Structures are given as C-alpha cells and as structure tokens.
Amino acid sequence: MLREAGGNWRSGEELSRLLGVSRAAVAKHVRTLRGEGHQIEAMTRRGYRMLAEADVLTVDGVRRGLHTRCFGQGTFVLHETTDSTNREAALLALDGADEGTVVAASAQTAGRGRTGRVWASPAGVGVYVSLVLRPRLAPQAAPLVTLMTAVAVAEAVAEVTGLAPRAKWPNDVLLHGRKVSGNLTEVALVADTVSHVVTGAGINVNTRVEDLPEGLRGKATSLAAELGRPVSRGDVLRAFLERAEHWYAALREGDPGPVIARWKELAAIVGTPLRVGTPHGVVEGLVADVDPDGLLRLVDAEGREHRLHAGDVIDSRP
C-alpha cells in the first residue's frame, strides 16, 4: 500500500481499517519493513509514506510487472543464500521440474563459471539466477543456449540502465571492456537425447569492484560502478527473465537464426582475428561465422576451419 501511494502519505487509521488489524500492528509491521531496509517516514496525524524501497529480492516483487508467460510464473525458488543456483536447478530438473522453473539467490557460496572456475557472488548486490529448460536441441547445439543467455543479459542490462553492453565469446557480457556478467550452461542427456538444460547467469549489479577478489578487480565491473548509482536488482532480474523467454521461443521452435544474429551483433566478432586457448592448444585465425549449432568457426592461416565449442580468448594484439 505504501508503494502504491507513490510517496504520498497513508494514514495509520486508514491502513488499520483496510488491513483489518490494530494501529499497533500497523506500527509493528512498519518497523519490520524498516528493518529490511525500506525507508519509511512516520508523522503524527499524517501517517506513513515510503521514501525509498530497499533492494530486497522477493518472488512477489519480481513477479509484479513481469511480462512473461512461463519464466518466473511457475516454480520460482528464491534464497537469501545457496551454494549454487545451477546445482539446485539441476536437482529440481532431475525431479521433474517444469520448463521455466527459476532458481535465484541473493548470494552463492559456491558459484561456478566455465570449467569449474569460481564466480564471486557477494551477498545482496548481484543477480544470480538459473533456469530449467527442456528444448528440442541436439546435444552438440548446447552452445546456442549459452549465446541466448548472453543476449538476454545484455538486453536486460541495456533496458534497465541505458548502457551499451557487448557480448564476448563464449559466455561473457562486458561494459567498457570489463566483465559484468558470465553464464554457465549445463546439459543432461538421456540416451544421447537432451533431457534438460540448466542455464545460469551471474550479473554484477551493485557489486563494489573493491569487494571482488584481487585478481578480478581490473577485469570486472558492475552496473552501479558504471552508472555511479545503485540499480534495482529486481528490475534487472525481471528484465532478464523477459528477454530470456523472448529469445528462447526461437530456439524452442528450432530456429536458432535470430539468436545467432543478435549475438553476432552484440559481439561484433565476425571477421576479427582471434587467439583461443583450447584443451588441445592455441588456435589462431579469423572468425568466419557462428554455425547453426552455436559453434564459433575460426579459419587459420593455412585455411583450415576450426569449429570451437568454447575456449579462453587470448588477446591477439601486440
């Protein structure tokens, strides 16, 4: 009710009558809201008004204004802290969770990136979210989900902040050359068929760069650091779910073309030289394209084409 009042006063008597509780109970609940970080002013004979909401993630708060048909409308698990949203989403998927199931957290104690790397997940400042998908994809086409997730993150960031993020192969989103988000796609197979896919994203929203591990401080950033002001995590999560559902619809119908085209637009990588570290050594060449399975096509100096599922990009500039 205070939120809907838009910063205007609501009398304690009115709140008491509408809610069917005593004035003392209203005052108690206001104290609780203040304890959660909401800035609420109280004044005799005027009542209460909300000056600013705390950046607290709640399922109801995210769903308020969420324009999706599936993502976030069914099972939506939201934790203060969990070890890994991807791990929990995978367990739910194995137990039969529906497509579009969402697992999110305000903090992770064992957040993971690609190849088992640690994803720093400080409490209360980032968006850490995983989705359960059940696409009709060939196992080798899993990189399409990685590209889709990066596109959804980039567009969500642009929508909420007005910034212009770029995609970096294979799974990052950058602002001014520094990493603001990464994602991790994990595929479960049954008899060579995709049973489900879990895709997870970590987005640095209000993360202070100085609070990140020392080795990341020159390479990472956050939305707040770029804007110079806090950003609503609820707005970012809501926008991500909407953009992810939009782009996933194309993949689900077996048409990866729009996702690939949008990712290439955000990455601006085709035709550029690239050096990529792989488990079999470094591959160097020009990026020819992204194939229909989402693999990067790199042509080396001898004209040989390499189709890369993932790898570590090495700066090729002198």
C-alpha atoms as a PDB file:
ATOM      1  CA  MET A   1       0.000   0.000   0.000  1.00  0.00           C
ATOM      2  CA  LEU A   2       2.829   2.392   0.763  1.00  0.00           C
ATOM      3  CA  ARG A   3       4.458   1.560  -2.570  1.00  0.00           C
ATOM      4  CA  GLU A   4       1.200   2.139  -4.436  1.00  0.00           C
ATOM      5  CA  ALA A   5       0.824   5.511  -2.710  1.00  0.00           C
ATOM      6  CA  GLY A   6       3.773   6.730  -4.780  1.00  0.00           C
ATOM      7  CA  GLY A   7       5.468   8.608  -1.934  1.00  0.00           C
ATOM      8  CA  ASN A   8       2.236  10.123  -0.641  1.00  0.00           C
ATOM      9  CA  TRP A   9       1.006   9.732   2.933  1.00  0.00           C
ATOM     10  CA  ARG A  10      -1.250   6.868   4.067  1.00  0.00           C
ATOM     11  CA  SER A  11      -2.789   7.353   7.487  1.00  0.00           C
ATOM     12  CA  GLY A  12      -2.315   4.729  10.161  1.00  0.00           C
ATOM     13  CA  GLU A  13      -6.079   4.722  10.695  1.00  0.00           C
ATOM     14  CA  GLU A  14      -6.708   4.000   7.004  1.00  0.00           C
ATOM     15  CA  LEU A  15      -4.122   1.216   6.908  1.00  0.00           C
ATOM     16  CA  SER A  16      -5.552  -0.285  10.091  1.00  0.00           C
ATOM     17  CA  ARG A  17      -9.081  -0.284   8.644  1.00  0.00           C
ATOM     18  CA  LEU A  18      -8.128  -1.656   5.214  1.00  0.00           C
ATOM     19  CA  LEU A  19      -5.928  -4.409   6.638  1.00  0.00           C
ATOM     20  CA  GLY A  20      -8.224  -5.330   9.496  1.00  0.00           C
ATOM     21  CA  VAL A  21      -5.512  -5.025  12.134  1.00  0.00           C
ATOM     22  CA  SER A  22      -4.855  -2.679  15.031  1.00  0.00           C
ATOM     23  CA  ARG A  23      -2.902   0.578  14.748  1.00  0.00           C
ATOM     24  CA  ALA A  24      -0.258  -1.022  16.961  1.00  0.00           C
ATOM     25  CA  ALA A  25       0.039  -3.909  14.479  1.00  0.00           C
ATOM     26  CA  VAL A  26       0.495  -1.437  11.609  1.00  0.00           C
ATOM     27  CA  ALA A  27       3.305   0.270  13.525  1.00  0.00           C
ATOM     28  CA  LYS A  28       4.924  -3.104  14.218  1.00  0.00           C
ATOM     29  CA  HIS A  29       4.874  -4.060  10.533  1.00  0.00           C
ATOM     30  CA  VAL A  30       6.328  -0.686   9.592  1.00  0.00           C
ATOM     31  CA  ARG A  31       9.212  -1.364  11.997  1.00  0.00           C
ATOM     32  CA  THR A  32       9.741  -4.727  10.289  1.00  0.00           C
ATOM     33  CA  LEU A  33       9.836  -3.086   6.868  1.00  0.00           C
ATOM     34  CA  ARG A  34      12.347  -0.545   8.128  1.00  0.00           C
ATOM     35  CA  GLY A  35      14.469  -3.407   9.444  1.00  0.00           C
ATOM     36  CA  GLU A  36      14.534  -4.830   5.913  1.00  0.00           C
ATOM     37  CA  GLY A  37      15.997  -1.558   4.679  1.00  0.00           C
ATOM     38  CA  HIS A  38      12.896   0.263   3.406  1.00  0.00           C
ATOM     39  CA  GLN A  39      12.962   4.000   4.164  1.00  0.00           C
ATOM     40  CA  ILE A  40       9.554   4.847   5.664  1.00  0.00           C
ATOM     41  CA  GLU A  41       8.740   8.185   7.247  1.00  0.00           C
ATOM     42  CA  ALA A  42       6.147   8.461  10.046  1.00  0.00           C
ATOM     43  CA  MET A  43       4.425  11.636  11.177  1.00  0.00           C
ATOM     44  CA  THR A  44       1.688  12.253  13.723  1.00  0.00           C
ATOM     45  CA  ARG A  45      -1.707  12.934  12.102  1.00  0.00           C
ATOM     46  CA  ARG A  46      -0.333  12.194   8.648  1.00  0.00           C
ATOM     47  CA  GLY A  47       0.641   8.537   8.900  1.00  0.00           C
ATOM     48  CA  TYR A  48       3.326   6.842   6.834  1.00  0.00           C
ATOM     49  CA  ARG A  49       4.977   7.287   3.483  1.00  0.00           C
ATOM     50  CA  MET A  50       7.679   5.302   1.691  1.00  0.00           C
ATOM     51  CA  LEU A  51      10.685   7.369   0.702  1.00  0.00           C
ATOM     52  CA  ALA A  52      12.705   4.551  -0.868  1.00  0.00           C
ATOM     53  CA  GLU A  53      12.454   0.791  -1.152  1.00  0.00           C
ATOM     54  CA  ALA A  54      15.267  -1.494  -0.066  1.00  0.00           C
ATOM     55  CA  ASP A  55      16.971  -3.517  -2.763  1.00  0.00           C
ATOM     56  CA  VAL A  56      15.446  -6.732  -1.479  1.00  0.00           C
ATOM     57  CA  LEU A  57      14.600  -9.556  -3.886  1.00  0.00           C
ATOM     58  CA  THR A  58      11.254 -11.261  -3.337  1.00  0.00           C
ATOM     59  CA  VAL A  59       9.254 -13.517  -5.615  1.00  0.00           C
ATOM     60  CA  ASP A  60       6.207 -11.261  -5.387  1.00  0.00           C
ATOM     61  CA  GLY A  61       8.344  -8.222  -6.063  1.00  0.00           C
ATOM     62  CA  VAL A  62       9.889  -9.730  -9.192  1.00  0.00           C
ATOM     63  CA  ARG A  63       6.545 -11.010 -10.463  1.00  0.00           C
ATOM     64  CA  ARG A  64       4.979  -7.587 -10.046  1.00  0.00           C
ATOM     65  CA  GLY A  65       5.145  -6.182 -13.564  1.00  0.00           C
ATOM     66  CA  LEU A  66       6.777  -9.338 -15.004  1.00  0.00           C
ATOM     67  CA  HIS A  67       5.581  -9.794 -18.584  1.00  0.00           C
ATOM     68  CA  THR A  68       6.259 -13.475 -19.242  1.00  0.00           C
ATOM     69  CA  ARG A  69       4.041 -16.470 -19.891  1.00  0.00           C
ATOM     70  CA  CYS A  70       6.373 -19.114 -18.491  1.00  0.00           C
ATOM     71  CA  PHE A  71       9.665 -17.928 -16.983  1.00  0.00           C
ATOM     72  CA  GLY A  72       9.063 -16.926 -13.380  1.00  0.00           C
ATOM     73  CA  GLN A  73       5.344 -17.715 -13.441  1.00  0.00           C
ATOM     74  CA  GLY A  74       5.550 -21.299 -12.187  1.00  0.00           C
ATOM     75  CA  THR A  75       8.091 -22.696  -9.746  1.00  0.00           C
ATOM     76  CA  PHE A  76      10.227 -19.780  -8.544  1.00  0.00           C
ATOM     77  CA  VAL A  77      12.701 -20.528  -5.768  1.00  0.00           C
ATOM     78  CA  LEU A  78      14.433 -17.531  -4.218  1.00  0.00           C
ATOM     79  CA  HIS A  79      17.063 -17.907  -1.490  1.00  0.00           C
ATOM     80  CA  GLU A  80      18.977 -15.456   0.602  1.00  0.00           C
ATOM     81  CA  THR A  81      21.950 -17.815   0.239  1.00  0.00           C
ATOM     82  CA  THR A  82      22.557 -21.069  -1.592  1.00  0.00           C
ATOM     83  CA  ASP A  83      25.668 -22.875  -2.726  1.00  0.00           C
ATOM     84  CA  SER A  84      24.883 -22.727  -6.458  1.00  0.00           C
ATOM     85  CA  THR A  85      21.664 -21.834  -8.265  1.00  0.00           C
ATOM     86  CA  ASN A  86      22.731 -24.067 -11.158  1.00  0.00           C
ATOM     87  CA  ARG A  87      23.194 -27.049  -8.865  1.00  0.00           C
ATOM     88  CA  GLU A  88      19.798 -26.537  -7.241  1.00  0.00           C
ATOM     89  CA  ALA A  89      18.073 -26.029 -10.592  1.00  0.00           C
ATOM     90  CA  ALA A  90      19.666 -29.244 -11.888  1.00  0.00           C
ATOM     91  CA  LEU A  91      18.335 -31.175  -8.890  1.00  0.00           C
ATOM     92  CA  LEU A  92      14.856 -29.750  -9.475  1.00  0.00           C
ATOM     93  CA  ALA A  93      15.090 -30.665 -13.166  1.00  0.00           C
ATOM     94  CA  LEU A  94      16.039 -34.260 -12.317  1.00  0.00           C
ATOM     95  CA  ASP A  95      12.983 -34.346 -10.065  1.00  0.00           C
ATOM     96  CA  GLY A  96      10.760 -33.333 -12.978  1.00  0.00           C
ATOM     97  CA  ALA A  97      10.629 -29.541 -12.632  1.00  0.00           C
ATOM     98  CA  ASP A  98       8.743 -27.815 -15.420  1.00  0.00           C
ATOM     99  CA  GLU A  99      10.389 -25.760 -18.096  1.00  0.00           C
ATOM    100  CA  GLY A 100      10.743 -22.164 -16.964  1.00  0.00           C
ATOM    101  CA  THR A 101      11.482 -23.070 -13.345  1.00  0.00           C
ATOM    102  CA  VAL A 102      13.601 -20.297 -11.814  1.00  0.00           C
ATOM    103  CA  VAL A 103      16.146 -20.567  -9.005  1.00  0.00           C
ATOM    104  CA  ALA A 104      17.645 -17.305  -7.800  1.00  0.00           C
ATOM    105  CA  ALA A 105      19.653 -16.192  -4.789  1.00  0.00           C
ATOM    106  CA  SER A 106      20.979 -13.046  -3.159  1.00  0.00           C
ATOM    107  CA  ALA A 107      24.281 -14.830  -2.506  1.00  0.00           C
ATOM    108  CA  GLN A 108      26.090 -18.010  -3.531  1.00  0.00           C
ATOM    109  CA  THR A 109      28.732 -19.782  -1.510  1.00  0.00           C
ATOM    110  CA  ALA A 110      29.945 -21.953  -4.402  1.00  0.00           C
ATOM    111  CA  GLY A 111      29.016 -20.065  -7.567  1.00  0.00           C
ATOM    112  CA  ARG A 112      30.612 -21.599 -10.638  1.00  0.00           C
ATOM    113  CA  GLY A 113      31.773 -20.370 -14.003  1.00  0.00           C
ATOM    114  CA  ARG A 114      33.004 -22.251 -17.027  1.00  0.00           C
ATOM    115  CA  THR A 115      35.493 -25.128 -16.473  1.00  0.00           C
ATOM    116  CA  GLY A 116      34.803 -25.098 -12.748  1.00  0.00           C
ATOM    117  CA  ARG A 117      36.048 -21.580 -12.114  1.00  0.00           C
ATOM    118  CA  VAL A 118      34.709 -19.728  -9.096  1.00  0.00           C
ATOM    119  CA  TRP A 119      32.125 -16.996  -9.700  1.00  0.00           C
ATOM    120  CA  ALA A 120      32.335 -14.397  -6.920  1.00  0.00           C
ATOM    121  CA  SER A 121      28.785 -13.933  -5.568  1.00  0.00           C
ATOM    122  CA  PRO A 122      28.781 -11.303  -2.789  1.00  0.00           C
ATOM    123  CA  ALA A 123      25.566 -11.081  -0.771  1.00  0.00           C
ATOM    124  CA  GLY A 124      22.834  -8.597  -1.614  1.00  0.00           C
ATOM    125  CA  VAL A 125      24.499  -6.888  -4.574  1.00  0.00           C
ATOM    126  CA  GLY A 126      24.174  -9.202  -7.570  1.00  0.00           C
ATOM    127  CA  VAL A 127      21.648 -11.242  -9.524  1.00  0.00           C
ATOM    128  CA  TYR A 128      22.409 -14.969  -9.510  1.00  0.00           C
ATOM    129  CA  VAL A 129      19.750 -16.907 -11.412  1.00  0.00           C
ATOM    130  CA  SER A 130      19.305 -20.247 -13.158  1.00  0.00           C
ATOM    131  CA  LEU A 131      16.583 -21.526 -15.493  1.00  0.00           C
ATOM    132  CA  VAL A 132      15.391 -25.052 -16.230  1.00  0.00           C
ATOM    133  CA  LEU A 133      14.868 -25.568 -19.966  1.00  0.00           C
ATOM    134  CA  ARG A 134      13.660 -28.584 -21.919  1.00  0.00           C
ATOM    135  CA  PRO A 135      14.498 -27.669 -25.512  1.00  0.00           C
ATOM    136  CA  ARG A 136      14.340 -29.892 -28.555  1.00  0.00           C
ATOM    137  CA  LEU A 137      18.024 -29.491 -29.308  1.00  0.00           C
ATOM    138  CA  ALA A 138      20.727 -31.872 -30.459  1.00  0.00           C
ATOM    139  CA  PRO A 139      23.381 -32.305 -27.724  1.00  0.00           C
ATOM    140  CA  GLN A 140      26.007 -30.595 -29.872  1.00  0.00           C
ATOM    141  CA  ALA A 141      23.805 -27.489 -30.136  1.00  0.00           C
ATOM    142  CA  ALA A 142      24.052 -26.642 -26.425  1.00  0.00           C
ATOM    143  CA  PRO A 143      26.246 -23.573 -27.183  1.00  0.00           C
ATOM    144  CA  LEU A 144      23.098 -21.946 -28.587  1.00  0.00           C
ATOM    145  CA  VAL A 145      21.741 -21.716 -25.034  1.00  0.00           C
ATOM    146  CA  THR A 146      24.958 -20.009 -23.921  1.00  0.00           C
ATOM    147  CA  LEU A 147      24.608 -17.425 -26.685  1.00  0.00           C
ATOM    148  CA  MET A 148      20.913 -16.940 -25.884  1.00  0.00           C
ATOM    149  CA  THR A 149      21.640 -16.317 -22.214  1.00  0.00           C
ATOM    150  CA  ALA A 150      24.324 -13.754 -23.041  1.00  0.00           C
ATOM    151  CA  VAL A 151      21.905 -11.943 -25.375  1.00  0.00           C
ATOM    152  CA  ALA A 152      19.207 -11.917 -22.670  1.00  0.00           C
ATOM    153  CA  VAL A 153      21.635 -10.497 -20.097  1.00  0.00           C
ATOM    154  CA  ALA A 154      22.956  -7.827 -22.467  1.00  0.00           C
ATOM    155  CA  GLU A 155      19.485  -6.689 -23.452  1.00  0.00           C
ATOM    156  CA  ALA A 156      18.289  -6.675 -19.837  1.00  0.00           C
ATOM    157  CA  VAL A 157      21.258  -4.525 -18.821  1.00  0.00           C
ATOM    158  CA  ALA A 158      20.635  -2.122 -21.707  1.00  0.00           C
ATOM    159  CA  GLU A 159      16.927  -1.876 -20.879  1.00  0.00           C
ATOM    160  CA  VAL A 160      17.395  -1.141 -17.180  1.00  0.00           C
ATOM    161  CA  THR A 161      20.470   1.112 -17.363  1.00  0.00           C
ATOM    162  CA  GLY A 162      20.671   2.575 -20.858  1.00  0.00           C
ATOM    163  CA  LEU A 163      24.253   1.296 -21.096  1.00  0.00           C
ATOM    164  CA  ALA A 164      25.566  -0.469 -24.208  1.00  0.00           C
ATOM    165  CA  PRO A 165      26.917  -3.901 -23.222  1.00  0.00           C
ATOM    166  CA  ARG A 166      28.880  -6.113 -25.573  1.00  0.00           C
ATOM    167  CA  ALA A 167      28.979  -9.892 -25.785  1.00  0.00           C
ATOM    168  CA  LYS A 168      32.316 -11.688 -25.568  1.00  0.00           C
ATOM    169  CA  TRP A 169      32.684 -15.258 -26.778  1.00  0.00           C
ATOM    170  CA  PRO A 170      31.872 -17.707 -25.381  1.00  0.00           C
ATOM    171  CA  ASN A 171      29.785 -16.648 -22.374  1.00  0.00           C
ATOM    172  CA  ASP A 172      30.558 -13.155 -21.099  1.00  0.00           C
ATOM    173  CA  VAL A 173      28.916  -9.735 -21.208  1.00  0.00           C
ATOM    174  CA  LEU A 174      31.160  -6.677 -20.973  1.00  0.00           C
ATOM    175  CA  LEU A 175      30.807  -2.990 -20.198  1.00  0.00           C
ATOM    176  CA  HIS A 176      33.651  -0.810 -21.416  1.00  0.00           C
ATOM    177  CA  GLY A 177      35.790  -3.904 -21.865  1.00  0.00           C
ATOM    178  CA  ARG A 178      35.256  -5.250 -18.353  1.00  0.00           C
ATOM    179  CA  LYS A 179      33.180  -8.245 -17.374  1.00  0.00           C
ATOM    180  CA  VAL A 180      29.806  -7.540 -15.810  1.00  0.00           C
ATOM    181  CA  SER A 181      28.232 -10.966 -16.330  1.00  0.00           C
ATOM    182  CA  GLY A 182      29.026 -14.554 -17.157  1.00  0.00           C
ATOM    183  CA  ASN A 183      26.833 -17.573 -17.727  1.00  0.00           C
ATOM    184  CA  LEU A 184      27.104 -21.332 -17.444  1.00  0.00           C
ATOM    185  CA  THR A 185      25.122 -23.885 -19.461  1.00  0.00           C
ATOM    186  CA  GLU A 186      24.888 -27.480 -18.252  1.00  0.00           C
ATOM    187  CA  VAL A 187      23.215 -30.221 -20.277  1.00  0.00           C
ATOM    188  CA  ALA A 188      21.742 -33.513 -19.048  1.00  0.00           C
ATOM    189  CA  LEU A 189      21.473 -36.361 -21.559  1.00  0.00           C
ATOM    190  CA  VAL A 190      19.333 -39.494 -21.567  1.00  0.00           C
ATOM    191  CA  ALA A 191      20.269 -41.997 -24.268  1.00  0.00           C
ATOM    192  CA  ASP A 192      22.006 -39.338 -26.389  1.00  0.00           C
ATOM    193  CA  THR A 193      18.960 -37.060 -26.140  1.00  0.00           C
ATOM    194  CA  VAL A 194      18.801 -33.777 -24.233  1.00  0.00           C
ATOM    195  CA  SER A 195      16.697 -34.354 -21.124  1.00  0.00           C
ATOM    196  CA  HIS A 196      17.050 -30.820 -19.806  1.00  0.00           C
ATOM    197  CA  VAL A 197      19.349 -27.823 -19.838  1.00  0.00           C
ATOM    198  CA  VAL A 198      20.174 -25.544 -16.932  1.00  0.00           C
ATOM    199  CA  THR A 199      21.451 -22.116 -17.838  1.00  0.00           C
ATOM    200  CA  GLY A 200      22.661 -19.808 -15.104  1.00  0.00           C
ATOM    201  CA  ALA A 201      23.776 -16.185 -15.141  1.00  0.00           C
ATOM    202  CA  GLY A 202      25.625 -14.065 -12.626  1.00  0.00           C
ATOM    203  CA  ILE A 203      25.241 -10.302 -13.036  1.00  0.00           C
ATOM    204  CA  ASN A 204      27.224  -7.754 -11.018  1.00  0.00           C
ATOM    205  CA  VAL A 205      24.546  -5.183 -10.227  1.00  0.00           C
ATOM    206  CA  ASN A 206      25.579  -3.169  -7.163  1.00  0.00           C
ATOM    207  CA  THR A 207      28.821  -5.021  -6.577  1.00  0.00           C
ATOM    208  CA  ARG A 208      31.682  -2.832  -5.400  1.00  0.00           C
ATOM    209  CA  VAL A 209      34.719  -3.654  -7.502  1.00  0.00           C
ATOM    210  CA  GLU A 210      36.945  -3.364  -4.424  1.00  0.00           C
ATOM    211  CA  ASP A 211      34.947  -6.188  -2.815  1.00  0.00           C
ATOM    212  CA  LEU A 212      35.802  -8.630  -5.603  1.00  0.00           C
ATOM    213  CA  PRO A 213      38.805 -10.980  -5.362  1.00  0.00           C
ATOM    214  CA  GLU A 214      42.007  -9.050  -6.016  1.00  0.00           C
ATOM    215  CA  GLY A 215      42.711 -10.819  -9.308  1.00  0.00           C
ATOM    216  CA  LEU A 216      39.375  -9.687 -10.764  1.00  0.00           C
ATOM    217  CA  ARG A 217      39.369  -6.009  -9.851  1.00  0.00           C
ATOM    218  CA  GLY A 218      40.953  -4.797 -13.081  1.00  0.00           C
ATOM    219  CA  LYS A 219      38.859  -7.129 -15.233  1.00  0.00           C
ATOM    220  CA  ALA A 220      35.368  -6.853 -13.744  1.00  0.00           C
ATOM    221  CA  THR A 221      32.815  -4.126 -13.189  1.00  0.00           C
ATOM    222  CA  SER A 222      29.202  -3.698 -12.097  1.00  0.00           C
ATOM    223  CA  LEU A 223      26.179  -1.736 -13.240  1.00  0.00           C
ATOM    224  CA  ALA A 224      26.432   0.576 -10.230  1.00  0.00           C
ATOM    225  CA  ALA A 225      30.145   1.155 -10.812  1.00  0.00           C
ATOM    226  CA  GLU A 226      29.471   2.167 -14.414  1.00  0.00           C
ATOM    227  CA  LEU A 227      26.490   4.411 -13.601  1.00  0.00           C
ATOM    228  CA  GLY A 228      27.690   5.874 -10.331  1.00  0.00           C
ATOM    229  CA  ARG A 229      24.411   4.978  -8.608  1.00  0.00           C
ATOM    230  CA  PRO A 230      22.625   1.872  -7.293  1.00  0.00           C
ATOM    231  CA  VAL A 231      20.469  -0.205  -9.636  1.00  0.00           C
ATOM    232  CA  SER A 232      17.412  -2.258  -8.670  1.00  0.00           C
ATOM    233  CA  ARG A 233      18.271  -5.946  -8.701  1.00  0.00           C
ATOM    234  CA  GLY A 234      14.577  -6.741  -9.061  1.00  0.00           C
ATOM    235  CA  ASP A 235      14.398  -4.686 -12.253  1.00  0.00           C
ATOM    236  CA  VAL A 236      17.444  -6.490 -13.655  1.00  0.00           C
ATOM    237  CA  LEU A 237      16.116  -9.956 -12.807  1.00  0.00           C
ATOM    238  CA  ARG A 238      12.677  -9.133 -14.212  1.00  0.00           C
ATOM    239  CA  ALA A 239      14.175  -7.813 -17.471  1.00  0.00           C
ATOM    240  CA  PHE A 240      16.431 -10.861 -17.774  1.00  0.00           C
ATOM    241  CA  LEU A 241      13.510 -13.289 -17.441  1.00  0.00           C
ATOM    242  CA  GLU A 242      11.540 -11.384 -20.076  1.00  0.00           C
ATOM    243  CA  ARG A 243      14.399 -11.240 -22.583  1.00  0.00           C
ATOM    244  CA  ALA A 244      15.370 -14.873 -21.951  1.00  0.00           C
ATOM    245  CA  GLU A 245      11.808 -16.038 -22.635  1.00  0.00           C
ATOM    246  CA  HIS A 246      11.680 -13.953 -25.819  1.00  0.00           C
ATOM    247  CA  TRP A 247      14.863 -15.410 -27.289  1.00  0.00           C
ATOM    248  CA  TYR A 248      14.258 -18.932 -26.032  1.00  0.00           C
ATOM    249  CA  ALA A 249      10.997 -19.052 -28.004  1.00  0.00           C
ATOM    250  CA  ALA A 250      13.013 -19.080 -31.249  1.00  0.00           C
ATOM    251  CA  LEU A 251      15.318 -21.854 -30.042  1.00  0.00           C
ATOM    252  CA  ARG A 252      12.394 -23.902 -28.811  1.00  0.00           C
ATOM    253  CA  GLU A 253      10.819 -23.743 -32.278  1.00  0.00           C
ATOM    254  CA  GLY A 254      14.051 -24.957 -33.847  1.00  0.00           C
ATOM    255  CA  ASP A 255      15.077 -21.625 -35.359  1.00  0.00           C
ATOM    256  CA  PRO A 256      18.463 -20.541 -33.967  1.00  0.00           C
ATOM    257  CA  GLY A 257      18.972 -17.886 -36.650  1.00  0.00           C
ATOM    258  CA  PRO A 258      17.589 -14.885 -34.715  1.00  0.00           C
ATOM    259  CA  VAL A 259      19.602 -15.727 -31.574  1.00  0.00           C
ATOM    260  CA  ILE A 260      22.823 -16.152 -33.535  1.00  0.00           C
ATOM    261  CA  ALA A 261      22.261 -12.940 -35.488  1.00  0.00           C
ATOM    262  CA  ARG A 262      21.586 -10.930 -32.343  1.00  0.00           C
ATOM    263  CA  TRP A 263      24.601 -12.373 -30.540  1.00  0.00           C
ATOM    264  CA  LYS A 264      26.868 -11.562 -33.513  1.00  0.00           C
ATOM    265  CA  GLU A 265      25.520  -8.013 -33.478  1.00  0.00           C
ATOM    266  CA  LEU A 266      26.359  -7.671 -29.774  1.00  0.00           C
ATOM    267  CA  ALA A 267      29.774  -9.323 -30.140  1.00  0.00           C
ATOM    268  CA  ALA A 268      30.935  -7.705 -33.416  1.00  0.00           C
ATOM    269  CA  ILE A 269      33.366 -10.585 -33.720  1.00  0.00           C
ATOM    270  CA  VAL A 270      32.957 -11.886 -37.286  1.00  0.00           C
ATOM    271  CA  GLY A 271      35.973 -11.011 -39.437  1.00  0.00           C
ATOM    272  CA  THR A 272      38.228 -10.232 -36.491  1.00  0.00           C
ATOM    273  CA  PRO A 273      41.462 -12.059 -35.580  1.00  0.00           C
ATOM    274  CA  LEU A 274      41.270 -14.253 -32.517  1.00  0.00           C
ATOM    275  CA  ARG A 275      43.551 -16.490 -30.491  1.00  0.00           C
ATOM    276  CA  VAL A 276      41.772 -19.133 -28.435  1.00  0.00           C
ATOM    277  CA  GLY A 277      43.242 -21.437 -25.825  1.00  0.00           C
ATOM    278  CA  THR A 278      41.684 -24.905 -26.007  1.00  0.00           C
ATOM    279  CA  PRO A 279      42.459 -28.200 -24.237  1.00  0.00           C
ATOM    280  CA  HIS A 280      44.414 -29.153 -27.380  1.00  0.00           C
ATOM    281  CA  GLY A 281      46.454 -25.975 -27.644  1.00  0.00           C
ATOM    282  CA  VAL A 282      46.098 -22.463 -29.010  1.00  0.00           C
ATOM    283  CA  VAL A 283      44.103 -21.891 -32.199  1.00  0.00           C
ATOM    284  CA  GLU A 284      44.600 -18.636 -34.085  1.00  0.00           C
ATOM    285  CA  GLY A 285      42.805 -17.209 -37.100  1.00  0.00           C
ATOM    286  CA  LEU A 286      39.964 -15.075 -38.382  1.00  0.00           C
ATOM    287  CA  VAL A 287      36.417 -15.550 -37.124  1.00  0.00           C
ATOM    288  CA  ALA A 288      34.396 -16.679 -40.137  1.00  0.00           C
ATOM    289  CA  ASP A 289      30.972 -17.053 -38.517  1.00  0.00           C
ATOM    290  CA  VAL A 290      28.869 -18.833 -35.919  1.00  0.00           C
ATOM    291  CA  ASP A 291      27.390 -22.075 -37.224  1.00  0.00           C
ATOM    292  CA  PRO A 292      23.765 -23.214 -36.693  1.00  0.00           C
ATOM    293  CA  ASP A 293      24.785 -25.213 -33.597  1.00  0.00           C
ATOM    294  CA  GLY A 294      26.272 -22.123 -31.981  1.00  0.00           C
ATOM    295  CA  LEU A 295      29.909 -23.112 -32.504  1.00  0.00           C
ATOM    296  CA  LEU A 296      32.471 -20.479 -33.467  1.00  0.00           C
ATOM    297  CA  ARG A 297      34.079 -21.014 -36.886  1.00  0.00           C
ATOM    298  CA  LEU A 298      37.713 -19.919 -36.941  1.00  0.00           C
ATOM    299  CA  VAL A 299      39.843 -20.115 -40.109  1.00  0.00           C
ATOM    300  CA  ASP A 300      43.607 -20.313 -39.538  1.00  0.00           C
ATOM    301  CA  ALA A 301      46.449 -19.046 -41.767  1.00  0.00           C
ATOM    302  CA  GLU A 302      46.525 -22.369 -43.662  1.00  0.00           C
ATOM    303  CA  GLY A 303      42.835 -22.092 -44.495  1.00  0.00           C
ATOM    304  CA  ARG A 304      41.748 -24.820 -42.089  1.00  0.00           C
ATOM    305  CA  GLU A 305      38.458 -24.265 -40.332  1.00  0.00           C
ATOM    306  CA  HIS A 306      38.129 -24.936 -36.614  1.00  0.00           C
ATOM    307  CA  ARG A 307      34.675 -25.281 -35.021  1.00  0.00           C
ATOM    308  CA  LEU A 308      35.048 -24.234 -31.392  1.00  0.00           C
ATOM    309  CA  HIS A 309      32.573 -25.141 -28.671  1.00  0.00           C
ATOM    310  CA  ALA A 310      34.300 -22.959 -26.064  1.00  0.00           C
ATOM    311  CA  GLY A 311      37.743 -21.757 -25.054  1.00  0.00           C
ATOM    312  CA  ASP A 312      39.736 -18.964 -23.455  1.00  0.00           C
ATOM    313  CA  VAL A 313      40.133 -15.904 -25.673  1.00  0.00           C
ATOM    314  CA  ILE A 314      43.724 -14.648 -25.707  1.00  0.00           C
ATOM    315  CA  ASP A 315      44.275 -11.020 -26.707  1.00  0.00           C
ATOM    316  CA  SER A 316      45.950 -11.181 -30.129  1.00  0.00           C
ATOM    317  CA  ARG A 317      47.016  -7.541 -30.189  1.00  0.00           C
ATOM    318  CA  PRO A 318      50.785  -6.894 -29.913  1.00  0.00           C
END
